[in-house]
Amino acid sequence: MAIGSERRMTQARERTTIGEALAVGCLATGVSAMTANKMTVETAFRRAWRDWPGASLFKSIRADLARNDITTILYDSERRRTPHIAAWSTEDRGWWTPYLTVEWDMQEAVESIEETSEMSWHSWESLTKAFLDYFKDDELRRDADWRS
């Protein structure tokens, strides 16, 4: 959503957008999985969300001590009935694994996130980076061939 835009996303659309953007952001940086430890994931999201300028545009998303929506967002991402381009799997026990649900290259996925959210990819990259910066090396799996 563009800054100052009057258009309001539904809660479901906000959650889908956050889940997709983080999945694409992780894949774009070579992160193929992150720990499914709830406390670690929630703390990482709370810290990243708190400082991310775009957070104020997502009125229904909470990331505080009283309620943190990130694990619900990740868990629900695979079960969405509406069209979506990326999701998170827990098939690999103990790990959240981001994946594209469409056969697109990364540039197409990035362009779709920009278009549907009306926010620059740079903004989403900054949220993803802040989110991933909290994790320890052994809490992330990286794809050795992600730049090829």
N, C-alpha and C. Protein backbone atom coordinates (compact mmCIF):
# COMPACT_ATOMS: atom_id res chain seq x y z
N MET A 1 0.84 -1.16 0.00
CA MET A 1 0.00 0.00 0.00
C MET A 1 0.89 1.23 0.00
N ALA A 2 0.61 2.14 -0.84
CA ALA A 2 1.42 3.35 -0.92
C ALA A 2 1.20 4.22 0.30
N ILE A 3 2.22 4.92 0.69
CA ILE A 3 2.10 5.85 1.81
C ILE A 3 1.00 6.85 1.47
N GLY A 4 0.09 7.04 2.40
CA GLY A 4 -1.01 7.98 2.19
C GLY A 4 -2.17 7.40 1.41
N SER A 5 -2.08 6.17 0.99
CA SER A 5 -3.15 5.54 0.22
C SER A 5 -4.38 5.37 1.10
N GLU A 6 -5.54 5.59 0.51
CA GLU A 6 -6.80 5.44 1.25
C GLU A 6 -7.30 4.01 1.20
N ARG A 7 -6.76 3.22 0.31
CA ARG A 7 -7.19 1.84 0.19
C ARG A 7 -6.76 1.06 1.41
N ARG A 8 -7.66 0.26 1.95
CA ARG A 8 -7.38 -0.51 3.16
C ARG A 8 -7.43 -1.98 2.83
N MET A 9 -6.39 -2.71 3.20
CA MET A 9 -6.37 -4.15 3.01
C MET A 9 -7.18 -4.82 4.11
N THR A 10 -7.77 -5.95 3.78
CA THR A 10 -8.43 -6.75 4.81
C THR A 10 -7.35 -7.39 5.68
N GLN A 11 -7.73 -7.88 6.84
CA GLN A 11 -6.78 -8.56 7.72
C GLN A 11 -6.16 -9.75 6.99
N ALA A 12 -6.97 -10.51 6.28
CA ALA A 12 -6.46 -11.68 5.56
C ALA A 12 -5.44 -11.26 4.50
N ARG A 13 -5.73 -10.18 3.77
CA ARG A 13 -4.81 -9.70 2.74
C ARG A 13 -3.51 -9.20 3.36
N GLU A 14 -3.61 -8.52 4.50
CA GLU A 14 -2.41 -8.06 5.20
C GLU A 14 -1.54 -9.24 5.59
N ARG A 15 -2.15 -10.26 6.15
CA ARG A 15 -1.40 -11.44 6.59
C ARG A 15 -0.78 -12.17 5.40
N THR A 16 -1.53 -12.30 4.33
CA THR A 16 -1.00 -12.94 3.13
C THR A 16 0.20 -12.16 2.60
N THR A 17 0.07 -10.85 2.55
CA THR A 17 1.14 -9.99 2.03
C THR A 17 2.41 -10.13 2.86
N ILE A 18 2.28 -10.08 4.18
CA ILE A 18 3.45 -10.20 5.06
C ILE A 18 4.09 -11.58 4.89
N GLY A 19 3.29 -12.63 4.88
CA GLY A 19 3.82 -13.98 4.72
C GLY A 19 4.53 -14.17 3.39
N GLU A 20 3.91 -13.68 2.31
CA GLU A 20 4.52 -13.79 0.99
C GLU A 20 5.81 -12.98 0.89
N ALA A 21 5.77 -11.74 1.37
CA ALA A 21 6.94 -10.87 1.26
C ALA A 21 8.13 -11.44 2.05
N LEU A 22 7.87 -11.96 3.24
CA LEU A 22 8.97 -12.56 4.01
C LEU A 22 9.49 -13.84 3.34
N ALA A 23 8.59 -14.63 2.77
CA ALA A 23 9.02 -15.85 2.08
C ALA A 23 9.89 -15.50 0.87
N VAL A 24 9.42 -14.57 0.05
CA VAL A 24 10.19 -14.16 -1.12
C VAL A 24 11.49 -13.49 -0.68
N GLY A 25 11.44 -12.68 0.36
CA GLY A 25 12.64 -12.03 0.87
C GLY A 25 13.68 -13.02 1.35
N CYS A 26 13.24 -14.06 2.05
CA CYS A 26 14.17 -15.09 2.51
C CYS A 26 14.78 -15.82 1.31
N LEU A 27 13.94 -16.23 0.39
CA LEU A 27 14.44 -16.94 -0.79
C LEU A 27 15.41 -16.07 -1.59
N ALA A 28 15.10 -14.79 -1.71
CA ALA A 28 15.95 -13.87 -2.47
C ALA A 28 17.31 -13.68 -1.83
N THR A 29 17.41 -13.91 -0.52
CA THR A 29 18.70 -13.78 0.17
C THR A 29 19.36 -15.13 0.41
N GLY A 30 18.77 -16.19 -0.14
CA GLY A 30 19.38 -17.50 -0.02
C GLY A 30 19.02 -18.28 1.22
N VAL A 31 18.05 -17.79 1.99
CA VAL A 31 17.62 -18.52 3.18
C VAL A 31 16.55 -19.52 2.77
N SER A 32 16.87 -20.79 2.92
CA SER A 32 15.95 -21.85 2.50
C SER A 32 15.11 -22.39 3.65
N ALA A 33 15.44 -22.03 4.90
CA ALA A 33 14.64 -22.43 6.05
C ALA A 33 15.12 -21.67 7.28
N MET A 34 14.20 -21.55 8.24
CA MET A 34 14.56 -20.95 9.53
C MET A 34 13.95 -21.80 10.62
N THR A 35 14.54 -21.72 11.79
CA THR A 35 14.03 -22.50 12.90
C THR A 35 12.54 -22.23 13.12
N ALA A 36 11.84 -23.25 13.56
CA ALA A 36 10.43 -23.09 13.89
C ALA A 36 10.24 -22.81 15.38
N ASN A 37 11.33 -22.52 16.09
CA ASN A 37 11.23 -22.18 17.50
C ASN A 37 10.38 -20.92 17.64
N LYS A 38 9.21 -21.07 18.26
CA LYS A 38 8.23 -19.99 18.34
C LYS A 38 8.80 -18.73 18.98
N MET A 39 9.50 -18.87 20.08
CA MET A 39 10.03 -17.70 20.78
C MET A 39 11.05 -16.95 19.90
N THR A 40 11.91 -17.69 19.23
CA THR A 40 12.91 -17.06 18.36
C THR A 40 12.24 -16.32 17.21
N VAL A 41 11.30 -16.97 16.55
CA VAL A 41 10.61 -16.36 15.40
C VAL A 41 9.82 -15.13 15.84
N GLU A 42 9.10 -15.23 16.94
CA GLU A 42 8.32 -14.09 17.42
C GLU A 42 9.21 -12.92 17.85
N THR A 43 10.30 -13.21 18.52
CA THR A 43 11.21 -12.14 18.94
C THR A 43 11.82 -11.46 17.72
N ALA A 44 12.25 -12.25 16.74
CA ALA A 44 12.82 -11.69 15.51
C ALA A 44 11.81 -10.79 14.82
N PHE A 45 10.57 -11.25 14.72
CA PHE A 45 9.54 -10.46 14.04
C PHE A 45 9.21 -9.21 14.85
N ARG A 46 9.09 -9.34 16.14
CA ARG A 46 8.76 -8.18 16.99
C ARG A 46 9.81 -7.08 16.81
N ARG A 47 11.06 -7.45 16.84
CA ARG A 47 12.14 -6.46 16.70
C ARG A 47 12.15 -5.84 15.30
N ALA A 48 11.98 -6.66 14.29
CA ALA A 48 11.98 -6.15 12.92
C ALA A 48 10.76 -5.26 12.67
N TRP A 49 9.61 -5.70 13.13
CA TRP A 49 8.35 -4.98 12.90
C TRP A 49 8.35 -3.63 13.61
N ARG A 50 8.87 -3.62 14.82
CA ARG A 50 8.90 -2.40 15.64
C ARG A 50 9.61 -1.26 14.91
N ASP A 51 10.68 -1.56 14.19
CA ASP A 51 11.49 -0.52 13.55
C ASP A 51 11.20 -0.33 12.07
N TRP A 52 10.32 -1.12 11.49
CA TRP A 52 10.05 -1.05 10.06
C TRP A 52 9.03 0.04 9.76
N PRO A 53 9.38 1.04 8.95
CA PRO A 53 8.46 2.15 8.65
C PRO A 53 7.13 1.70 8.03
N GLY A 54 7.12 0.61 7.30
CA GLY A 54 5.89 0.14 6.66
C GLY A 54 4.88 -0.49 7.59
N ALA A 55 5.28 -0.80 8.81
CA ALA A 55 4.38 -1.49 9.75
C ALA A 55 3.09 -0.72 10.01
N SER A 56 3.17 0.58 10.02
CA SER A 56 1.98 1.40 10.32
C SER A 56 0.90 1.26 9.26
N LEU A 57 1.24 0.77 8.09
CA LEU A 57 0.26 0.58 7.02
C LEU A 57 -0.53 -0.71 7.17
N PHE A 58 -0.08 -1.58 8.04
CA PHE A 58 -0.72 -2.88 8.25
C PHE A 58 -1.39 -2.86 9.62
N LYS A 59 -2.57 -2.27 9.65
CA LYS A 59 -3.27 -1.97 10.91
C LYS A 59 -3.64 -3.20 11.73
N SER A 60 -3.84 -4.34 11.10
CA SER A 60 -4.30 -5.51 11.86
C SER A 60 -3.16 -6.40 12.33
N ILE A 61 -1.94 -6.13 11.92
CA ILE A 61 -0.81 -6.98 12.29
C ILE A 61 -0.23 -6.53 13.63
N ARG A 62 -0.11 -7.46 14.54
CA ARG A 62 0.45 -7.16 15.86
C ARG A 62 1.75 -7.93 16.04
N ALA A 63 2.68 -7.28 16.72
CA ALA A 63 3.96 -7.92 17.01
C ALA A 63 4.48 -7.36 18.32
N ASP A 64 3.74 -7.63 19.37
CA ASP A 64 4.15 -7.15 20.69
C ASP A 64 4.10 -8.32 21.67
N LEU A 65 4.37 -8.06 22.92
CA LEU A 65 4.39 -9.13 23.91
C LEU A 65 3.01 -9.73 24.15
N ALA A 66 1.98 -8.90 24.02
CA ALA A 66 0.62 -9.38 24.26
C ALA A 66 0.12 -10.28 23.12
N ARG A 67 0.48 -9.93 21.89
CA ARG A 67 0.04 -10.72 20.73
C ARG A 67 1.06 -10.53 19.61
N ASN A 68 1.50 -11.65 19.07
CA ASN A 68 2.44 -11.61 17.96
C ASN A 68 1.87 -12.51 16.87
N ASP A 69 1.58 -11.93 15.72
CA ASP A 69 0.87 -12.64 14.65
C ASP A 69 1.75 -13.48 13.73
N ILE A 70 3.06 -13.41 13.88
CA ILE A 70 3.91 -14.03 12.86
C ILE A 70 3.73 -15.54 12.73
N THR A 71 3.63 -16.29 13.80
CA THR A 71 3.50 -17.74 13.64
C THR A 71 2.16 -18.10 13.01
N THR A 72 1.12 -17.35 13.30
CA THR A 72 -0.18 -17.57 12.64
C THR A 72 -0.07 -17.25 11.16
N ILE A 73 0.61 -16.15 10.84
CA ILE A 73 0.81 -15.76 9.44
C ILE A 73 1.54 -16.88 8.68
N LEU A 74 2.62 -17.38 9.26
CA LEU A 74 3.40 -18.43 8.60
C LEU A 74 2.60 -19.72 8.48
N TYR A 75 1.96 -20.12 9.57
CA TYR A 75 1.19 -21.36 9.58
C TYR A 75 0.04 -21.32 8.56
N ASP A 76 -0.67 -20.21 8.52
CA ASP A 76 -1.83 -20.09 7.63
C ASP A 76 -1.45 -19.90 6.16
N SER A 77 -0.21 -19.56 5.89
CA SER A 77 0.17 -19.21 4.51
C SER A 77 -0.07 -20.33 3.51
N GLU A 78 0.14 -21.57 3.91
CA GLU A 78 -0.07 -22.70 3.00
C GLU A 78 -1.55 -23.02 2.80
N ARG A 79 -2.36 -22.61 3.71
CA ARG A 79 -3.77 -23.00 3.71
C ARG A 79 -4.68 -21.94 3.08
N ARG A 80 -4.11 -20.89 2.55
CA ARG A 80 -4.91 -19.83 1.94
C ARG A 80 -5.66 -20.36 0.73
N ARG A 81 -6.91 -19.96 0.62
CA ARG A 81 -7.72 -20.35 -0.54
C ARG A 81 -7.58 -19.35 -1.68
N THR A 82 -7.20 -18.14 -1.33
CA THR A 82 -7.04 -17.11 -2.34
C THR A 82 -5.69 -17.29 -3.05
N PRO A 83 -5.56 -16.77 -4.26
CA PRO A 83 -4.28 -16.90 -4.97
C PRO A 83 -3.14 -16.25 -4.18
N HIS A 84 -2.03 -16.93 -4.14
CA HIS A 84 -0.84 -16.39 -3.49
C HIS A 84 0.39 -16.96 -4.18
N ILE A 85 1.50 -16.25 -4.11
CA ILE A 85 2.68 -16.65 -4.86
C ILE A 85 3.74 -17.33 -4.01
N ALA A 86 3.63 -17.20 -2.69
CA ALA A 86 4.64 -17.79 -1.80
C ALA A 86 3.98 -18.20 -0.50
N ALA A 87 4.59 -19.17 0.16
CA ALA A 87 4.05 -19.67 1.42
C ALA A 87 5.19 -20.27 2.25
N TRP A 88 4.81 -20.79 3.41
CA TRP A 88 5.76 -21.40 4.35
C TRP A 88 5.29 -22.80 4.68
N SER A 89 6.22 -23.73 4.71
CA SER A 89 5.92 -25.12 5.03
C SER A 89 6.59 -25.52 6.34
N THR A 90 5.94 -26.43 7.07
CA THR A 90 6.54 -27.02 8.26
C THR A 90 6.78 -28.51 8.04
N GLU A 91 6.79 -28.91 6.78
CA GLU A 91 6.99 -30.32 6.45
C GLU A 91 8.31 -30.85 7.01
N ASP A 92 9.34 -30.03 6.99
CA ASP A 92 10.63 -30.39 7.57
C ASP A 92 10.55 -30.03 9.05
N ARG A 93 10.25 -30.99 9.88
CA ARG A 93 9.98 -30.77 11.31
C ARG A 93 11.06 -29.91 11.96
N GLY A 94 10.60 -28.87 12.67
CA GLY A 94 11.51 -27.98 13.37
C GLY A 94 11.97 -26.79 12.54
N TRP A 95 11.49 -26.70 11.29
CA TRP A 95 11.92 -25.63 10.39
C TRP A 95 10.73 -25.04 9.66
N TRP A 96 10.77 -23.74 9.45
CA TRP A 96 9.85 -23.05 8.54
C TRP A 96 10.59 -22.94 7.21
N THR A 97 9.99 -23.43 6.14
CA THR A 97 10.62 -23.43 4.82
C THR A 97 9.81 -22.56 3.86
N PRO A 98 10.41 -21.47 3.37
CA PRO A 98 9.70 -20.62 2.40
C PRO A 98 9.75 -21.26 1.00
N TYR A 99 8.70 -21.08 0.22
CA TYR A 99 8.72 -21.59 -1.15
C TYR A 99 7.75 -20.78 -2.01
N LEU A 100 8.01 -20.78 -3.30
CA LEU A 100 7.09 -20.15 -4.25
C LEU A 100 6.01 -21.15 -4.61
N THR A 101 4.79 -20.68 -4.72
CA THR A 101 3.66 -21.55 -5.08
C THR A 101 3.39 -21.50 -6.57
N VAL A 102 4.14 -20.67 -7.28
CA VAL A 102 4.00 -20.52 -8.72
C VAL A 102 5.37 -20.77 -9.35
N GLU A 103 5.37 -21.11 -10.62
CA GLU A 103 6.63 -21.37 -11.30
C GLU A 103 7.16 -20.08 -11.93
N TRP A 104 7.61 -19.19 -11.06
CA TRP A 104 8.16 -17.91 -11.48
C TRP A 104 9.61 -17.83 -11.07
N ASP A 105 10.35 -16.96 -11.76
CA ASP A 105 11.69 -16.69 -11.28
C ASP A 105 11.59 -15.62 -10.18
N MET A 106 12.70 -15.38 -9.52
CA MET A 106 12.68 -14.46 -8.37
C MET A 106 12.25 -13.04 -8.78
N GLN A 107 12.66 -12.58 -9.94
CA GLN A 107 12.29 -11.23 -10.38
C GLN A 107 10.77 -11.10 -10.53
N GLU A 108 10.12 -12.11 -11.08
CA GLU A 108 8.67 -12.08 -11.21
C GLU A 108 7.99 -12.06 -9.84
N ALA A 109 8.52 -12.82 -8.91
CA ALA A 109 7.97 -12.86 -7.55
C ALA A 109 8.12 -11.50 -6.87
N VAL A 110 9.29 -10.90 -7.01
CA VAL A 110 9.54 -9.57 -6.43
C VAL A 110 8.58 -8.55 -7.02
N GLU A 111 8.42 -8.56 -8.33
CA GLU A 111 7.51 -7.61 -8.99
C GLU A 111 6.07 -7.80 -8.53
N SER A 112 5.67 -9.04 -8.32
CA SER A 112 4.32 -9.31 -7.84
C SER A 112 4.12 -8.76 -6.43
N ILE A 113 5.11 -8.94 -5.56
CA ILE A 113 5.02 -8.41 -4.19
C ILE A 113 4.91 -6.89 -4.24
N GLU A 114 5.71 -6.25 -5.06
CA GLU A 114 5.64 -4.79 -5.18
C GLU A 114 4.26 -4.35 -5.66
N GLU A 115 3.75 -5.04 -6.67
CA GLU A 115 2.46 -4.67 -7.25
C GLU A 115 1.31 -4.87 -6.28
N THR A 116 1.25 -6.03 -5.64
CA THR A 116 0.11 -6.31 -4.76
C THR A 116 0.16 -5.51 -3.47
N SER A 117 1.35 -5.18 -3.00
CA SER A 117 1.45 -4.43 -1.74
C SER A 117 1.55 -2.92 -1.96
N GLU A 118 1.85 -2.53 -3.21
CA GLU A 118 2.08 -1.13 -3.54
C GLU A 118 3.21 -0.53 -2.71
N MET A 119 4.21 -1.35 -2.41
CA MET A 119 5.40 -0.92 -1.67
C MET A 119 6.63 -1.38 -2.44
N SER A 120 7.69 -0.63 -2.32
CA SER A 120 8.92 -0.98 -3.03
C SER A 120 9.53 -2.26 -2.46
N TRP A 121 10.25 -2.95 -3.34
CA TRP A 121 10.94 -4.15 -2.88
C TRP A 121 12.00 -3.78 -1.85
N HIS A 122 12.59 -2.62 -1.98
CA HIS A 122 13.59 -2.17 -1.01
C HIS A 122 13.01 -2.17 0.41
N SER A 123 11.77 -1.73 0.53
CA SER A 123 11.11 -1.72 1.84
C SER A 123 10.96 -3.14 2.39
N TRP A 124 10.55 -4.07 1.53
CA TRP A 124 10.39 -5.46 1.96
C TRP A 124 11.73 -6.10 2.28
N GLU A 125 12.76 -5.74 1.51
CA GLU A 125 14.11 -6.25 1.80
C GLU A 125 14.57 -5.80 3.17
N SER A 126 14.26 -4.56 3.53
CA SER A 126 14.70 -4.05 4.84
C SER A 126 13.99 -4.79 5.97
N LEU A 127 12.71 -5.10 5.80
CA LEU A 127 12.00 -5.88 6.82
C LEU A 127 12.60 -7.28 6.92
N THR A 128 12.82 -7.92 5.78
CA THR A 128 13.38 -9.27 5.79
C THR A 128 14.76 -9.29 6.43
N LYS A 129 15.61 -8.34 6.08
CA LYS A 129 16.96 -8.28 6.64
C LYS A 129 16.90 -8.11 8.16
N ALA A 130 16.07 -7.18 8.63
CA ALA A 130 15.95 -6.97 10.07
C ALA A 130 15.42 -8.22 10.77
N PHE A 131 14.50 -8.92 10.13
CA PHE A 131 13.95 -10.16 10.67
C PHE A 131 15.04 -11.23 10.77
N LEU A 132 15.77 -11.44 9.69
CA LEU A 132 16.79 -12.49 9.64
C LEU A 132 18.01 -12.18 10.50
N ASP A 133 18.29 -10.90 10.71
CA ASP A 133 19.46 -10.51 11.51
C ASP A 133 19.39 -11.01 12.95
N TYR A 134 18.20 -11.29 13.45
CA TYR A 134 18.05 -11.76 14.82
C TYR A 134 18.50 -13.22 14.99
N PHE A 135 18.36 -14.01 13.93
CA PHE A 135 18.63 -15.45 14.02
C PHE A 135 20.13 -15.72 14.10
N LYS A 136 20.48 -16.77 14.85
CA LYS A 136 21.86 -17.25 14.87
C LYS A 136 22.09 -18.08 13.61
N ASP A 137 23.34 -18.28 13.25
CA ASP A 137 23.68 -19.02 12.04
C ASP A 137 23.05 -20.42 12.00
N ASP A 138 23.05 -21.11 13.15
CA ASP A 138 22.50 -22.46 13.16
C ASP A 138 20.97 -22.49 13.19
N GLU A 139 20.34 -21.33 13.21
CA GLU A 139 18.88 -21.25 13.17
C GLU A 139 18.37 -20.92 11.77
N LEU A 140 19.30 -20.81 10.83
CA LEU A 140 18.95 -20.55 9.44
C LEU A 140 19.64 -21.58 8.56
N ARG A 141 18.96 -21.99 7.50
CA ARG A 141 19.59 -22.81 6.47
C ARG A 141 19.72 -21.93 5.24
N ARG A 142 20.88 -21.97 4.65
CA ARG A 142 21.12 -21.16 3.47
C ARG A 142 21.39 -22.07 2.27
N ASP A 143 20.84 -21.67 1.13
CA ASP A 143 21.04 -22.38 -0.11
C ASP A 143 22.40 -21.97 -0.68
N ALA A 144 23.29 -22.91 -0.80
CA ALA A 144 24.65 -22.62 -1.28
C ALA A 144 24.65 -22.08 -2.70
N ASP A 145 23.63 -22.41 -3.48
CA ASP A 145 23.59 -21.99 -4.89
C ASP A 145 22.61 -20.85 -5.15
N TRP A 146 22.24 -20.11 -4.13
CA TRP A 146 21.16 -19.13 -4.29
C TRP A 146 21.46 -18.02 -5.27
N ARG A 147 22.70 -17.70 -5.53
CA ARG A 147 23.03 -16.62 -6.48
C ARG A 147 23.11 -17.10 -7.91
N SER A 148 23.04 -18.39 -8.15
CA SER A 148 23.19 -18.86 -9.53
C SER A 148 21.88 -18.88 -10.27
